Each structure stands twice: as structure tokens, then as C-alpha cells.
Amino acid sequence: MSAARAALYLRLSKEDGDRDGASQSIRNQRDFLLDYCGKNSLPVVEIYADDGYTGTNFAGVR
């Protein structure tokens, strides 16, 4: 059996609105998930971030 790996998906929180640069929620998610993966020996192989897109405005983006 191969060892578990992690890919992180970070998405803008609607509370952040349309801020310039990386949002606070993106930074918080990244920090939390990297910490979790580190504590649980999960190597992170990729990080995906939809900074600037919320669940309400990403229709048609993909």
C-alpha cells in the first residue's frame, strides 16, 4: 500500500469580500492545513487556491 499524501484546496470566504492580494481566509486555511498535515505526517503534493472566487461567484470559471 502506498503512503497517504494530501492536496490542499483553499477557497475565498465570502466574509473577505473582494480584497486585493491574498485574503486572510486563504492564509488562515493554508496555515491550518499545512499545520495539520505536518502533525499527521501527510506530505502536501499540491496546493490549489481559488483566491478571489467564492461559492457564489465562481460559476462559469472552470
PDB file of N, CA and C in Angstrom:
ATOM      1  N   MET A   1       0.856  -1.184   0.000  1.00  0.00           N
ATOM      2  CA  MET A   1       0.000   0.000   0.000  1.00  0.00           C
ATOM      3  C   MET A   1       0.899   1.243   0.000  1.00  0.00           C
ATOM      4  N   SER A   2       0.526   2.235  -0.775  1.00  0.00           N
ATOM      5  CA  SER A   2       1.317   3.457  -0.833  1.00  0.00           C
ATOM      6  C   SER A   2       0.920   4.399   0.309  1.00  0.00           C
ATOM      7  N   ALA A   3       1.848   5.246   0.688  1.00  0.00           N
ATOM      8  CA  ALA A   3       1.625   6.188   1.786  1.00  0.00           C
ATOM      9  C   ALA A   3       0.628   7.268   1.375  1.00  0.00           C
ATOM     10  N   ALA A   4      -0.127   7.745   2.339  1.00  0.00           N
ATOM     11  CA  ALA A   4      -1.108   8.809   2.087  1.00  0.00           C
ATOM     12  C   ALA A   4      -0.386  10.117   1.771  1.00  0.00           C
ATOM     13  N   ARG A   5      -0.987  10.887   0.890  1.00  0.00           N
ATOM     14  CA  ARG A   5      -0.499  12.224   0.537  1.00  0.00           C
ATOM     15  C   ARG A   5      -1.690  13.164   0.563  1.00  0.00           C
ATOM     16  N   ALA A   6      -1.420  14.466   0.563  1.00  0.00           N
ATOM     17  CA  ALA A   6      -2.514  15.436   0.617  1.00  0.00           C
ATOM     18  C   ALA A   6      -2.366  16.486  -0.475  1.00  0.00           C
ATOM     19  N   ALA A   7      -3.505  16.897  -1.007  1.00  0.00           N
ATOM     20  CA  ALA A   7      -3.598  18.068  -1.882  1.00  0.00           C
ATOM     21  C   ALA A   7      -4.553  19.019  -1.178  1.00  0.00           C
ATOM     22  N   LEU A   8      -4.173  20.271  -1.061  1.00  0.00           N
ATOM     23  CA  LEU A   8      -4.983  21.245  -0.336  1.00  0.00           C
ATOM     24  C   LEU A   8      -5.781  22.098  -1.314  1.00  0.00           C
ATOM     25  N   TYR A   9      -7.023  22.350  -0.961  1.00  0.00           N
ATOM     26  CA  TYR A   9      -7.874  23.239  -1.758  1.00  0.00           C
ATOM     27  C   TYR A   9      -8.313  24.390  -0.872  1.00  0.00           C
ATOM     28  N   LEU A  10      -7.946  25.596  -1.243  1.00  0.00           N
ATOM     29  CA  LEU A  10      -8.240  26.796  -0.465  1.00  0.00           C
ATOM     30  C   LEU A  10      -9.205  27.658  -1.261  1.00  0.00           C
ATOM     31  N   ARG A  11     -10.245  28.140  -0.596  1.00  0.00           N
ATOM     32  CA  ARG A  11     -11.238  28.957  -1.302  1.00  0.00           C
ATOM     33  C   ARG A  11     -11.552  30.205  -0.488  1.00  0.00           C
ATOM     34  N   LEU A  12     -11.743  31.295  -1.177  1.00  0.00           N
ATOM     35  CA  LEU A  12     -12.067  32.575  -0.564  1.00  0.00           C
ATOM     36  C   LEU A  12     -13.356  32.482   0.235  1.00  0.00           C
ATOM     37  N   SER A  13     -13.350  33.064   1.418  1.00  0.00           N
ATOM     38  CA  SER A  13     -14.565  33.150   2.225  1.00  0.00           C
ATOM     39  C   SER A  13     -15.339  34.383   1.799  1.00  0.00           C
ATOM     40  N   LYS A  14     -16.666  34.278   1.746  1.00  0.00           N
ATOM     41  CA  LYS A  14     -17.470  35.432   1.339  1.00  0.00           C
ATOM     42  C   LYS A  14     -17.308  36.598   2.310  1.00  0.00           C
ATOM     43  N   GLU A  15     -16.906  36.323   3.554  1.00  0.00           N
ATOM     44  CA  GLU A  15     -16.683  37.393   4.522  1.00  0.00           C
ATOM     45  C   GLU A  15     -15.501  38.273   4.143  1.00  0.00           C
ATOM     46  N   ASP A  16     -14.576  37.732   3.335  1.00  0.00           N
ATOM     47  CA  ASP A  16     -13.417  38.509   2.910  1.00  0.00           C
ATOM     48  C   ASP A  16     -13.756  39.499   1.810  1.00  0.00           C
ATOM     49  N   GLY A  17     -14.840  39.268   1.104  1.00  0.00           N
ATOM     50  CA  GLY A  17     -15.223  40.184   0.032  1.00  0.00           C
ATOM     51  C   GLY A  17     -14.214  40.193  -1.091  1.00  0.00           C
ATOM     52  N   ASP A  18     -14.101  41.312  -1.771  1.00  0.00           N
ATOM     53  CA  ASP A  18     -13.198  41.445  -2.915  1.00  0.00           C
ATOM     54  C   ASP A  18     -11.953  42.225  -2.527  1.00  0.00           C
ATOM     55  N   ARG A  19     -11.120  41.637  -1.721  1.00  0.00           N
ATOM     56  CA  ARG A  19      -9.892  42.303  -1.281  1.00  0.00           C
ATOM     57  C   ARG A  19      -8.771  42.060  -2.273  1.00  0.00           C
ATOM     58  N   ASP A  20      -7.841  42.992  -2.310  1.00  0.00           N
ATOM     59  CA  ASP A  20      -6.668  42.831  -3.169  1.00  0.00           C
ATOM     60  C   ASP A  20      -5.661  41.918  -2.475  1.00  0.00           C
ATOM     61  N   GLY A  21      -4.906  41.155  -3.262  1.00  0.00           N
ATOM     62  CA  GLY A  21      -3.894  40.268  -2.706  1.00  0.00           C
ATOM     63  C   GLY A  21      -4.529  39.036  -2.075  1.00  0.00           C
ATOM     64  N   ALA A  22      -3.697  38.235  -1.433  1.00  0.00           N
ATOM     65  CA  ALA A  22      -4.191  37.012  -0.785  1.00  0.00           C
ATOM     66  C   ALA A  22      -5.076  37.376   0.398  1.00  0.00           C
ATOM     67  N   SER A  23      -6.231  36.772   0.453  1.00  0.00           N
ATOM     68  CA  SER A  23      -7.167  37.080   1.525  1.00  0.00           C
ATOM     69  C   SER A  23      -6.714  36.457   2.836  1.00  0.00           C
ATOM     70  N   GLN A  24      -7.238  36.983   3.932  1.00  0.00           N
ATOM     71  CA  GLN A  24      -6.925  36.437   5.243  1.00  0.00           C
ATOM     72  C   GLN A  24      -7.428  35.000   5.345  1.00  0.00           C
ATOM     73  N   SER A  25      -8.606  34.704   4.791  1.00  0.00           N
ATOM     74  CA  SER A  25      -9.127  33.341   4.899  1.00  0.00           C
ATOM     75  C   SER A  25      -8.234  32.353   4.150  1.00  0.00           C
ATOM     76  N   ILE A  26      -7.684  32.756   3.016  1.00  0.00           N
ATOM     77  CA  ILE A  26      -6.775  31.880   2.267  1.00  0.00           C
ATOM     78  C   ILE A  26      -5.524  31.605   3.096  1.00  0.00           C
ATOM     79  N   ARG A  27      -4.962  32.647   3.681  1.00  0.00           N
ATOM     80  CA  ARG A  27      -3.770  32.464   4.531  1.00  0.00           C
ATOM     81  C   ARG A  27      -4.091  31.572   5.722  1.00  0.00           C
ATOM     82  N   ASN A  28      -5.228  31.809   6.370  1.00  0.00           N
ATOM     83  CA  ASN A  28      -5.609  31.003   7.530  1.00  0.00           C
ATOM     84  C   ASN A  28      -5.801  29.542   7.154  1.00  0.00           C
ATOM     85  N   GLN A  29      -6.491  29.294   6.034  1.00  0.00           N
ATOM     86  CA  GLN A  29      -6.707  27.920   5.583  1.00  0.00           C
ATOM     87  C   GLN A  29      -5.377  27.235   5.295  1.00  0.00           C
ATOM     88  N   ARG A  30      -4.501  27.934   4.570  1.00  0.00           N
ATOM     89  CA  ARG A  30      -3.197  27.358   4.233  1.00  0.00           C
ATOM     90  C   ARG A  30      -2.417  27.013   5.499  1.00  0.00           C
ATOM     91  N   ASP A  31      -2.352  27.954   6.449  1.00  0.00           N
ATOM     92  CA  ASP A  31      -1.614  27.719   7.691  1.00  0.00           C
ATOM     93  C   ASP A  31      -2.199  26.547   8.475  1.00  0.00           C
ATOM     94  N   PHE A  32      -3.532  26.513   8.614  1.00  0.00           N
ATOM     95  CA  PHE A  32      -4.196  25.452   9.360  1.00  0.00           C
ATOM     96  C   PHE A  32      -3.942  24.090   8.727  1.00  0.00           C
ATOM     97  N   LEU A  33      -4.121  24.007   7.397  1.00  0.00           N
ATOM     98  CA  LEU A  33      -3.978  22.727   6.721  1.00  0.00           C
ATOM     99  C   LEU A  33      -2.524  22.250   6.658  1.00  0.00           C
ATOM    100  N   LEU A  34      -1.589  23.166   6.459  1.00  0.00           N
ATOM    101  CA  LEU A  34      -0.182  22.773   6.477  1.00  0.00           C
ATOM    102  C   LEU A  34       0.229  22.278   7.859  1.00  0.00           C
ATOM    103  N   ASP A  35      -0.273  22.937   8.907  1.00  0.00           N
ATOM    104  CA  ASP A  35      -0.001  22.503  10.274  1.00  0.00           C
ATOM    105  C   ASP A  35      -0.581  21.113  10.510  1.00  0.00           C
ATOM    106  N   TYR A  36      -1.832  20.905  10.091  1.00  0.00           N
ATOM    107  CA  TYR A  36      -2.488  19.608  10.251  1.00  0.00           C
ATOM    108  C   TYR A  36      -1.701  18.508   9.532  1.00  0.00           C
ATOM    109  N   CYS A  37      -1.333  18.772   8.293  1.00  0.00           N
ATOM    110  CA  CYS A  37      -0.601  17.777   7.516  1.00  0.00           C
ATOM    111  C   CYS A  37       0.755  17.475   8.147  1.00  0.00           C
ATOM    112  N   GLY A  38       1.425  18.508   8.635  1.00  0.00           N
ATOM    113  CA  GLY A  38       2.709  18.309   9.300  1.00  0.00           C
ATOM    114  C   GLY A  38       2.578  17.448  10.548  1.00  0.00           C
ATOM    115  N   LYS A  39       1.568  17.712  11.347  1.00  0.00           N
ATOM    116  CA  LYS A  39       1.355  16.954  12.585  1.00  0.00           C
ATOM    117  C   LYS A  39       0.917  15.520  12.312  1.00  0.00           C
ATOM    118  N   ASN A  40       0.363  15.268  11.141  1.00  0.00           N
ATOM    119  CA  ASN A  40      -0.139  13.933  10.807  1.00  0.00           C
ATOM    120  C   ASN A  40       0.691  13.234   9.734  1.00  0.00           C
ATOM    121  N   SER A  41       1.905  13.723   9.506  1.00  0.00           N
ATOM    122  CA  SER A  41       2.850  13.119   8.559  1.00  0.00           C
ATOM    123  C   SER A  41       2.249  12.910   7.170  1.00  0.00           C
ATOM    124  N   LEU A  42       1.505  13.908   6.713  1.00  0.00           N
ATOM    125  CA  LEU A  42       0.922  13.868   5.369  1.00  0.00           C
ATOM    126  C   LEU A  42       1.690  14.826   4.470  1.00  0.00           C
ATOM    127  N   PRO A  43       2.469  14.310   3.536  1.00  0.00           N
ATOM    128  CA  PRO A  43       3.171  15.215   2.628  1.00  0.00           C
ATOM    129  C   PRO A  43       2.168  15.921   1.705  1.00  0.00           C
ATOM    130  N   VAL A  44       2.340  17.224   1.557  1.00  0.00           N
ATOM    131  CA  VAL A  44       1.473  18.021   0.685  1.00  0.00           C
ATOM    132  C   VAL A  44       2.093  18.017  -0.707  1.00  0.00           C
ATOM    133  N   VAL A  45       1.349  17.483  -1.667  1.00  0.00           N
ATOM    134  CA  VAL A  45       1.875  17.367  -3.030  1.00  0.00           C
ATOM    135  C   VAL A  45       1.426  18.514  -3.934  1.00  0.00           C
ATOM    136  N   GLU A  46       0.343  19.183  -3.552  1.00  0.00           N
ATOM    137  CA  GLU A  46      -0.151  20.305  -4.364  1.00  0.00           C
ATOM    138  C   GLU A  46      -1.066  21.170  -3.507  1.00  0.00           C
ATOM    139  N   ILE A  47      -1.049  22.470  -3.802  1.00  0.00           N
ATOM    140  CA  ILE A  47      -1.964  23.406  -3.153  1.00  0.00           C
ATOM    141  C   ILE A  47      -2.717  24.149  -4.245  1.00  0.00           C
ATOM    142  N   TYR A  48      -4.037  24.054  -4.192  1.00  0.00           N
ATOM    143  CA  TYR A  48      -4.911  24.744  -5.140  1.00  0.00           C
ATOM    144  C   TYR A  48      -5.612  25.870  -4.398  1.00  0.00           C
ATOM    145  N   ALA A  49      -5.639  27.058  -4.964  1.00  0.00           N
ATOM    146  CA  ALA A  49      -6.283  28.194  -4.305  1.00  0.00           C
ATOM    147  C   ALA A  49      -7.151  28.956  -5.296  1.00  0.00           C
ATOM    148  N   ASP A  50      -8.401  29.153  -4.922  1.00  0.00           N
ATOM    149  CA  ASP A  50      -9.328  29.976  -5.704  1.00  0.00           C
ATOM    150  C   ASP A  50      -9.509  31.302  -4.981  1.00  0.00           C
ATOM    151  N   ASP A  51      -8.424  32.045  -4.828  1.00  0.00           N
ATOM    152  CA  ASP A  51      -8.490  33.336  -4.158  1.00  0.00           C
ATOM    153  C   ASP A  51      -9.156  34.328  -5.105  1.00  0.00           C
ATOM    154  N   GLY A  52     -10.217  34.919  -4.652  1.00  0.00           N
ATOM    155  CA  GLY A  52     -10.959  35.840  -5.493  1.00  0.00           C
ATOM    156  C   GLY A  52     -12.280  35.257  -5.941  1.00  0.00           C
ATOM    157  N   TYR A  53     -12.465  33.959  -5.724  1.00  0.00           N
ATOM    158  CA  TYR A  53     -13.717  33.301  -6.096  1.00  0.00           C
ATOM    159  C   TYR A  53     -14.372  32.694  -4.858  1.00  0.00           C
ATOM    160  N   THR A  54     -15.631  32.965  -4.666  1.00  0.00           N
ATOM    161  CA  THR A  54     -16.389  32.372  -3.576  1.00  0.00           C
ATOM    162  C   THR A  54     -17.325  31.324  -4.150  1.00  0.00           C
ATOM    163  N   GLY A  55     -18.060  30.656  -3.280  1.00  0.00           N
ATOM    164  CA  GLY A  55     -19.043  29.693  -3.743  1.00  0.00           C
ATOM    165  C   GLY A  55     -20.171  30.329  -4.511  1.00  0.00           C
ATOM    166  N   THR A  56     -20.293  31.639  -4.411  1.00  0.00           N
ATOM    167  CA  THR A  56     -21.404  32.326  -5.099  1.00  0.00           C
ATOM    168  C   THR A  56     -20.988  33.009  -6.400  1.00  0.00           C
ATOM    169  N   ASN A  57     -19.679  33.121  -6.674  1.00  0.00           N
ATOM    170  CA  ASN A  57     -19.284  33.840  -7.893  1.00  0.00           C
ATOM    171  C   ASN A  57     -18.356  33.048  -8.815  1.00  0.00           C
ATOM    172  N   PHE A  58     -18.194  31.739  -8.616  1.00  0.00           N
ATOM    173  CA  PHE A  58     -17.276  31.002  -9.475  1.00  0.00           C
ATOM    174  C   PHE A  58     -17.941  30.274 -10.630  1.00  0.00           C
ATOM    175  N   ALA A  59     -19.241  30.379 -10.744  1.00  0.00           N
ATOM    176  CA  ALA A  59     -19.949  29.714 -11.851  1.00  0.00           C
ATOM    177  C   ALA A  59     -19.375  30.168 -13.182  1.00  0.00           C
ATOM    178  N   GLY A  60     -19.044  29.236 -14.019  1.00  0.00           N
ATOM    179  CA  GLY A  60     -18.503  29.556 -15.333  1.00  0.00           C
ATOM    180  C   GLY A  60     -17.009  29.773 -15.358  1.00  0.00           C
ATOM    181  N   VAL A  61     -16.342  29.761 -14.193  1.00  0.00           N
ATOM    182  CA  VAL A  61     -14.902  29.980 -14.141  1.00  0.00           C
ATOM    183  C   VAL A  61     -14.163  28.736 -14.618  1.00  0.00           C
ATOM    184  N   ARG A  62     -14.672  27.579 -14.272  1.00  0.00           N
ATOM    185  CA  ARG A  62     -13.966  26.324 -14.584  1.00  0.00           C
ATOM    186  C   ARG A  62     -14.360  25.832 -15.939  1.00  0.00           C
TER     187      ARG A  62
END
